[in-house]
PDB file of N, CA and C in Angstrom:
ATOM      1  N   MET A   1     143.851  97.549  84.689  1.00  0.00           N
ATOM      2  CA  MET A   1     143.969  97.079  86.057  1.00  0.00           C
ATOM      3  C   MET A   1     142.576  96.940  86.668  1.00  0.00           C
ATOM      4  N   LEU A   2     142.403  95.899  87.446  1.00  0.00           N
ATOM      5  CA  LEU A   2     141.105  95.682  88.075  1.00  0.00           C
ATOM      6  C   LEU A   2     140.914  96.641  89.233  1.00  0.00           C
ATOM      7  N   GLY A   3     139.773  97.265  89.233  1.00  0.00           N
ATOM      8  CA  GLY A   3     139.419  98.139  90.329  1.00  0.00           C
ATOM      9  C   GLY A   3     138.437  97.449  91.251  1.00  0.00           C
ATOM     10  N   ILE A   4     137.735  98.238  91.992  1.00  0.00           N
ATOM     11  CA  ILE A   4     136.769  97.707  92.939  1.00  0.00           C
ATOM     12  C   ILE A   4     135.407  97.479  92.276  1.00  0.00           C
ATOM     13  N   GLU A   5     135.237  97.931  91.001  1.00  0.00           N
ATOM     14  CA  GLU A   5     133.923  97.831  90.359  1.00  0.00           C
ATOM     15  C   GLU A   5     133.449  96.392  90.163  1.00  0.00           C
ATOM     16  N   TRP A   6     134.362  95.428  90.123  1.00  0.00           N
ATOM     17  CA  TRP A   6     133.936  94.032  89.936  1.00  0.00           C
ATOM     18  C   TRP A   6     133.271  93.475  91.186  1.00  0.00           C
ATOM     19  N   LEU A   7     133.373  94.189  92.320  1.00  0.00           N
ATOM     20  CA  LEU A   7     132.729  93.747  93.556  1.00  0.00           C
ATOM     21  C   LEU A   7     131.283  94.214  93.678  1.00  0.00           C
ATOM     22  N   ARG A   8     130.809  94.989  92.697  1.00  0.00           N
ATOM     23  CA  ARG A   8     129.404  95.401  92.733  1.00  0.00           C
ATOM     24  C   ARG A   8     128.523  94.159  92.702  1.00  0.00           C
ATOM     25  N   PRO A   9     127.397  94.160  93.388  1.00  0.00           N
ATOM     26  CA  PRO A   9     126.543  92.963  93.424  1.00  0.00           C
ATOM     27  C   PRO A   9     126.119  92.480  92.043  1.00  0.00           C
ATOM     28  N   ALA A  10     125.784  93.385  91.139  1.00  0.00           N
ATOM     29  CA  ALA A  10     125.344  92.966  89.805  1.00  0.00           C
ATOM     30  C   ALA A  10     126.476  92.275  89.050  1.00  0.00           C
ATOM     31  N   ALA A  11     127.675  92.825  89.104  1.00  0.00           N
ATOM     32  CA  ALA A  11     128.816  92.218  88.411  1.00  0.00           C
ATOM     33  C   ALA A  11     129.195  90.893  89.057  1.00  0.00           C
ATOM     34  N   PHE A  12     129.177  90.844  90.367  1.00  0.00           N
ATOM     35  CA  PHE A  12     129.545  89.622  91.083  1.00  0.00           C
ATOM     36  C   PHE A  12     128.538  88.504  90.811  1.00  0.00           C
ATOM     37  N   LEU A  13     127.246  88.822  90.894  1.00  0.00           N
ATOM     38  CA  LEU A  13     126.219  87.809  90.637  1.00  0.00           C
ATOM     39  C   LEU A  13     126.209  87.391  89.167  1.00  0.00           C
ATOM     40  N   GLY A  14     126.501  88.328  88.272  1.00  0.00           N
ATOM     41  CA  GLY A  14     126.612  87.982  86.858  1.00  0.00           C
ATOM     42  C   GLY A  14     127.758  87.011  86.608  1.00  0.00           C
ATOM     43  N   SER A  15     128.872  87.234  87.279  1.00  0.00           N
ATOM     44  CA  SER A  15     130.014  86.323  87.142  1.00  0.00           C
ATOM     45  C   SER A  15     129.671  84.937  87.669  1.00  0.00           C
ATOM     46  N   ILE A  16     128.998  84.874  88.805  1.00  0.00           N
ATOM     47  CA  ILE A  16     128.593  83.585  89.366  1.00  0.00           C
ATOM     48  C   ILE A  16     127.615  82.880  88.422  1.00  0.00           C
ATOM     49  N   LEU A  17     126.669  83.622  87.870  1.00  0.00           N
ATOM     50  CA  LEU A  17     125.693  83.038  86.949  1.00  0.00           C
ATOM     51  C   LEU A  17     126.379  82.482  85.702  1.00  0.00           C
ATOM     52  N   PHE A  18     127.305  83.259  85.117  1.00  0.00           N
ATOM     53  CA  PHE A  18     128.021  82.779  83.941  1.00  0.00           C
ATOM     54  C   PHE A  18     128.880  81.567  84.262  1.00  0.00           C
ATOM     55  N   ALA A  19     129.469  81.535  85.441  1.00  0.00           N
ATOM     56  CA  ALA A  19     130.270  80.375  85.840  1.00  0.00           C
ATOM     57  C   ALA A  19     129.395  79.131  85.966  1.00  0.00           C
ATOM     58  N   LEU A  20     128.231  79.271  86.574  1.00  0.00           N
ATOM     59  CA  LEU A  20     127.314  78.136  86.709  1.00  0.00           C
ATOM     60  C   LEU A  20     126.802  77.660  85.355  1.00  0.00           C
ATOM     61  N   ILE A  21     126.483  78.602  84.469  1.00  0.00           N
ATOM     62  CA  ILE A  21     126.040  78.226  83.125  1.00  0.00           C
ATOM     63  C   ILE A  21     127.172  77.520  82.381  1.00  0.00           C
ATOM     64  N   GLY A  22     128.391  78.012  82.520  1.00  0.00           N
ATOM     65  CA  GLY A  22     129.533  77.377  81.874  1.00  0.00           C
ATOM     66  C   GLY A  22     129.762  75.967  82.362  1.00  0.00           C
ATOM     67  N   VAL A  23     129.662  75.764  83.658  1.00  0.00           N
ATOM     68  CA  VAL A  23     129.841  74.416  84.218  1.00  0.00           C
ATOM     69  C   VAL A  23     128.718  73.499  83.749  1.00  0.00           C
ATOM     70  N   LEU A  24     127.499  74.003  83.702  1.00  0.00           N
ATOM     71  CA  LEU A  24     126.363  73.206  83.248  1.00  0.00           C
ATOM     72  C   LEU A  24     126.520  72.805  81.778  1.00  0.00           C
ATOM     73  N   VAL A  25     126.924  73.744  80.936  1.00  0.00           N
ATOM     74  CA  VAL A  25     127.123  73.435  79.513  1.00  0.00           C
ATOM     75  C   VAL A  25     128.268  72.443  79.341  1.00  0.00           C
ATOM     76  N   PHE A  26     129.352  72.628  80.099  1.00  0.00           N
ATOM     77  CA  PHE A  26     130.469  71.685  80.039  1.00  0.00           C
ATOM     78  C   PHE A  26     130.012  70.288  80.446  1.00  0.00           C
ATOM     79  N   TRP A  27     129.292  70.176  81.531  1.00  0.00           N
ATOM     80  CA  TRP A  27     128.818  68.878  82.012  1.00  0.00           C
ATOM     81  C   TRP A  27     127.893  68.221  80.993  1.00  0.00           C
ATOM     82  N   LEU A  28     126.996  69.004  80.404  1.00  0.00           N
ATOM     83  CA  LEU A  28     126.078  68.476  79.406  1.00  0.00           C
ATOM     84  C   LEU A  28     126.838  67.963  78.177  1.00  0.00           C
ATOM     85  N   CYS A  29     127.818  68.717  77.716  1.00  0.00           N
ATOM     86  CA  CYS A  29     128.626  68.269  76.569  1.00  0.00           C
ATOM     87  C   CYS A  29     129.386  66.992  76.914  1.00  0.00           C
ATOM     88  N   PHE A  30     129.930  66.926  78.110  1.00  0.00           N
ATOM     89  CA  PHE A  30     130.671  65.735  78.507  1.00  0.00           C
ATOM     90  C   PHE A  30     129.760  64.511  78.566  1.00  0.00           C
ATOM     91  N   VAL A  31     128.559  64.674  79.091  1.00  0.00           N
ATOM     92  CA  VAL A  31     127.611  63.554  79.156  1.00  0.00           C
ATOM     93  C   VAL A  31     127.222  63.104  77.754  1.00  0.00           C
ATOM     94  N   ILE A  32     127.015  64.044  76.850  1.00  0.00           N
ATOM     95  CA  ILE A  32     126.659  63.684  75.474  1.00  0.00           C
ATOM     96  C   ILE A  32     127.798  62.903  74.820  1.00  0.00           C
ATOM     97  N   VAL A  33     129.022  63.382  74.970  1.00  0.00           N
ATOM     98  CA  VAL A  33     130.169  62.676  74.383  1.00  0.00           C
ATOM     99  C   VAL A  33     130.321  61.302  75.027  1.00  0.00           C
ATOM    100  N   ASP A  34     130.107  61.206  76.325  1.00  0.00           N
ATOM    101  CA  ASP A  34     130.198  59.919  77.009  1.00  0.00           C
ATOM    102  C   ASP A  34     129.153  58.938  76.476  1.00  0.00           C
ATOM    103  N   LYS A  35     127.956  59.428  76.187  1.00  0.00           N
ATOM    104  CA  LYS A  35     126.882  58.556  75.694  1.00  0.00           C
ATOM    105  C   LYS A  35     127.127  58.089  74.257  1.00  0.00           C
ATOM    106  N   ILE A  36     127.763  58.914  73.420  1.00  0.00           N
ATOM    107  CA  ILE A  36     127.936  58.528  72.023  1.00  0.00           C
ATOM    108  C   ILE A  36     129.202  57.711  71.779  1.00  0.00           C
ATOM    109  N   THR A  37     130.069  57.602  72.773  1.00  0.00           N
ATOM    110  CA  THR A  37     131.252  56.765  72.604  1.00  0.00           C
ATOM    111  C   THR A  37     130.880  55.302  72.839  1.00  0.00           C
ATOM    112  N   PRO A  38     131.557  54.397  72.122  1.00  0.00           N
ATOM    113  CA  PRO A  38     131.183  52.981  72.232  1.00  0.00           C
ATOM    114  C   PRO A  38     131.679  52.282  73.497  1.00  0.00           C
ATOM    115  N   VAL A  39     132.522  52.927  74.297  1.00  0.00           N
ATOM    116  CA  VAL A  39     133.064  52.284  75.502  1.00  0.00           C
ATOM    117  C   VAL A  39     132.575  53.017  76.740  1.00  0.00           C
ATOM    118  N   ASP A  40     132.631  52.349  77.878  1.00  0.00           N
ATOM    119  CA  ASP A  40     132.337  52.972  79.160  1.00  0.00           C
ATOM    120  C   ASP A  40     133.608  53.696  79.612  1.00  0.00           C
ATOM    121  N   MET A  41     133.619  55.025  79.429  1.00  0.00           N
ATOM    122  CA  MET A  41     134.847  55.783  79.688  1.00  0.00           C
ATOM    123  C   MET A  41     135.298  55.654  81.136  1.00  0.00           C
ATOM    124  N   TRP A  42     134.368  55.660  82.094  1.00  0.00           N
ATOM    125  CA  TRP A  42     134.747  55.581  83.497  1.00  0.00           C
ATOM    126  C   TRP A  42     135.488  54.277  83.793  1.00  0.00           C
ATOM    127  N   ARG A  43     134.939  53.155  83.323  1.00  0.00           N
ATOM    128  CA  ARG A  43     135.581  51.868  83.573  1.00  0.00           C
ATOM    129  C   ARG A  43     136.933  51.776  82.879  1.00  0.00           C
ATOM    130  N   GLU A  44     137.002  52.286  81.656  1.00  0.00           N
ATOM    131  CA  GLU A  44     138.263  52.229  80.914  1.00  0.00           C
ATOM    132  C   GLU A  44     139.358  53.041  81.600  1.00  0.00           C
ATOM    133  N   ILE A  45     139.013  54.227  82.076  1.00  0.00           N
ATOM    134  CA  ILE A  45     140.025  55.111  82.663  1.00  0.00           C
ATOM    135  C   ILE A  45     140.361  54.699  84.087  1.00  0.00           C
ATOM    136  N   VAL A  46     139.347  54.444  84.906  1.00  0.00           N
ATOM    137  CA  VAL A  46     139.582  54.207  86.328  1.00  0.00           C
ATOM    138  C   VAL A  46     139.958  52.756  86.613  1.00  0.00           C
ATOM    139  N   GLU A  47     139.171  51.839  86.101  1.00  0.00           N
ATOM    140  CA  GLU A  47     139.408  50.432  86.450  1.00  0.00           C
ATOM    141  C   GLU A  47     140.503  49.796  85.599  1.00  0.00           C
ATOM    142  N   LYS A  48     140.480  50.070  84.303  1.00  0.00           N
ATOM    143  CA  LYS A  48     141.471  49.454  83.420  1.00  0.00           C
ATOM    144  C   LYS A  48     142.724  50.301  83.241  1.00  0.00           C
ATOM    145  N   GLN A  49     142.739  51.496  83.817  1.00  0.00           N
ATOM    146  CA  GLN A  49     143.893  52.403  83.789  1.00  0.00           C
ATOM    147  C   GLN A  49     144.344  52.712  82.360  1.00  0.00           C
ATOM    148  N   ASN A  50     143.389  52.999  81.477  1.00  0.00           N
ATOM    149  CA  ASN A  50     143.678  53.298  80.083  1.00  0.00           C
ATOM    150  C   ASN A  50     144.180  54.734  79.978  1.00  0.00           C
ATOM    151  N   LEU A  51     145.488  54.901  79.942  1.00  0.00           N
ATOM    152  CA  LEU A  51     146.106  56.226  79.931  1.00  0.00           C
ATOM    153  C   LEU A  51     145.797  56.976  78.635  1.00  0.00           C
ATOM    154  N   ALA A  52     145.797  56.272  77.507  1.00  0.00           N
ATOM    155  CA  ALA A  52     145.530  56.926  76.228  1.00  0.00           C
ATOM    156  C   ALA A  52     144.128  57.548  76.211  1.00  0.00           C
ATOM    157  N   LEU A  53     143.140  56.820  76.694  1.00  0.00           N
ATOM    158  CA  LEU A  53     141.789  57.365  76.747  1.00  0.00           C
ATOM    159  C   LEU A  53     141.717  58.520  77.741  1.00  0.00           C
ATOM    160  N   GLY A  54     142.462  58.430  78.829  1.00  0.00           N
ATOM    161  CA  GLY A  54     142.504  59.528  79.788  1.00  0.00           C
ATOM    162  C   GLY A  54     143.046  60.806  79.176  1.00  0.00           C
ATOM    163  N   VAL A  55     144.077  60.683  78.346  1.00  0.00           N
ATOM    164  CA  VAL A  55     144.640  61.854  77.673  1.00  0.00           C
ATOM    165  C   VAL A  55     143.641  62.428  76.670  1.00  0.00           C
ATOM    166  N   VAL A  56     142.953  61.560  75.940  1.00  0.00           N
ATOM    167  CA  VAL A  56     141.950  62.023  74.975  1.00  0.00           C
ATOM    168  C   VAL A  56     140.796  62.724  75.695  1.00  0.00           C
ATOM    169  N   VAL A  57     140.339  62.171  76.795  1.00  0.00           N
ATOM    170  CA  VAL A  57     139.251  62.794  77.555  1.00  0.00           C
ATOM    171  C   VAL A  57     139.713  64.130  78.148  1.00  0.00           C
ATOM    172  N   ALA A  58     140.945  64.198  78.613  1.00  0.00           N
ATOM    173  CA  ALA A  58     141.473  65.465  79.141  1.00  0.00           C
ATOM    174  C   ALA A  58     141.522  66.525  78.044  1.00  0.00           C
ATOM    175  N   ALA A  59     141.968  66.138  76.842  1.00  0.00           N
ATOM    176  CA  ALA A  59     142.002  67.084  75.726  1.00  0.00           C
ATOM    177  C   ALA A  59     140.592  67.529  75.353  1.00  0.00           C
ATOM    178  N   MET A  60     139.644  66.599  75.384  1.00  0.00           N
ATOM    179  CA  MET A  60     138.258  66.935  75.094  1.00  0.00           C
ATOM    180  C   MET A  60     137.716  67.926  76.134  1.00  0.00           C
ATOM    181  N   CYS A  61     138.039  67.690  77.389  1.00  0.00           N
ATOM    182  CA  CYS A  61     137.586  68.597  78.453  1.00  0.00           C
ATOM    183  C   CYS A  61     138.161  69.997  78.264  1.00  0.00           C
ATOM    184  N   LEU A  62     139.429  70.082  77.915  1.00  0.00           N
ATOM    185  CA  LEU A  62     140.037  71.393  77.667  1.00  0.00           C
ATOM    186  C   LEU A  62     139.385  72.074  76.471  1.00  0.00           C
ATOM    187  N   GLY A  63     139.124  71.311  75.420  1.00  0.00           N
ATOM    188  CA  GLY A  63     138.482  71.892  74.244  1.00  0.00           C
ATOM    189  C   GLY A  63     137.092  72.417  74.539  1.00  0.00           C
ATOM    190  N   ILE A  64     136.293  71.638  75.231  1.00  0.00           N
ATOM    191  CA  ILE A  64     134.941  72.079  75.590  1.00  0.00           C
ATOM    192  C   ILE A  64     135.012  73.298  76.497  1.00  0.00           C
ATOM    193  N   SER A  65     135.954  73.292  77.428  1.00  0.00           N
ATOM    194  CA  SER A  65     136.107  74.432  78.339  1.00  0.00           C
ATOM    195  C   SER A  65     136.467  75.702  77.589  1.00  0.00           C
ATOM    196  N   LEU A  66     137.362  75.598  76.607  1.00  0.00           N
ATOM    197  CA  LEU A  66     137.730  76.774  75.813  1.00  0.00           C
ATOM    198  C   LEU A  66     136.558  77.293  74.993  1.00  0.00           C
ATOM    199  N   ILE A  67     135.770  76.389  74.430  1.00  0.00           N
ATOM    200  CA  ILE A  67     134.607  76.796  73.652  1.00  0.00           C
ATOM    201  C   ILE A  67     133.580  77.505  74.544  1.00  0.00           C
ATOM    202  N   VAL A  68     133.310  76.938  75.715  1.00  0.00           N
ATOM    203  CA  VAL A  68     132.349  77.555  76.643  1.00  0.00           C
ATOM    204  C   VAL A  68     132.864  78.916  77.110  1.00  0.00           C
ATOM    205  N   ALA A  69     134.156  78.997  77.438  1.00  0.00           N
ATOM    206  CA  ALA A  69     134.726  80.276  77.898  1.00  0.00           C
ATOM    207  C   ALA A  69     134.652  81.334  76.796  1.00  0.00           C
ATOM    208  N   ALA A  70     134.952  80.940  75.553  1.00  0.00           N
ATOM    209  CA  ALA A  70     134.881  81.901  74.442  1.00  0.00           C
ATOM    210  C   ALA A  70     133.449  82.328  74.194  1.00  0.00           C
ATOM    211  N   ALA A  71     132.497  81.413  74.325  1.00  0.00           N
ATOM    212  CA  ALA A  71     131.091  81.782  74.125  1.00  0.00           C
ATOM    213  C   ALA A  71     130.615  82.743  75.204  1.00  0.00           C
ATOM    214  N   ILE A  72     131.036  82.529  76.432  1.00  0.00           N
ATOM    215  CA  ILE A  72     130.631  83.417  77.524  1.00  0.00           C
ATOM    216  C   ILE A  72     131.319  84.773  77.398  1.00  0.00           C
ATOM    217  N   HIS A  73     132.587  84.748  77.049  1.00  0.00           N
ATOM    218  CA  HIS A  73     133.368  85.982  76.953  1.00  0.00           C
ATOM    219  C   HIS A  73     132.968  86.791  75.735  1.00  0.00           C
ATOM    220  N   GLY A  74     132.502  86.104  74.697  1.00  0.00           N
ATOM    221  CA  GLY A  74     132.095  86.796  73.490  1.00  0.00           C
ATOM    222  C   GLY A  74     133.213  86.885  72.467  1.00  0.00           C
ATOM    223  N   GLY A  75     134.183  85.984  72.599  1.00  0.00           N
ATOM    224  CA  GLY A  75     135.336  86.051  71.694  1.00  0.00           C
ATOM    225  C   GLY A  75     135.271  84.955  70.759  1.00  0.00           C
TER     226      GLY A  75
END
C-alpha cells in the first residue's frame, strides 16, 4: 500500500524527472520512426484519414511506451 513516503521531495522530483525522460525518449523514437518511413505519416493519418496507418502508429506508440516504462522501472 502506498504511504506518504512518495510525497518526499526527492521521490517526487525523481518521479517527475523520470517522466520527463520517458516522454523525451518516446518523442525521439517517434521522430526517428517518422523519418525512416517512406510516407508522411501526418498527412496520411490526418488528411487522407488512413485508418490502417493510424492503428499501426498507435500500436507503435504503445510498444515504445512499454519499452520506455520497462527501462525506467528496471523490469
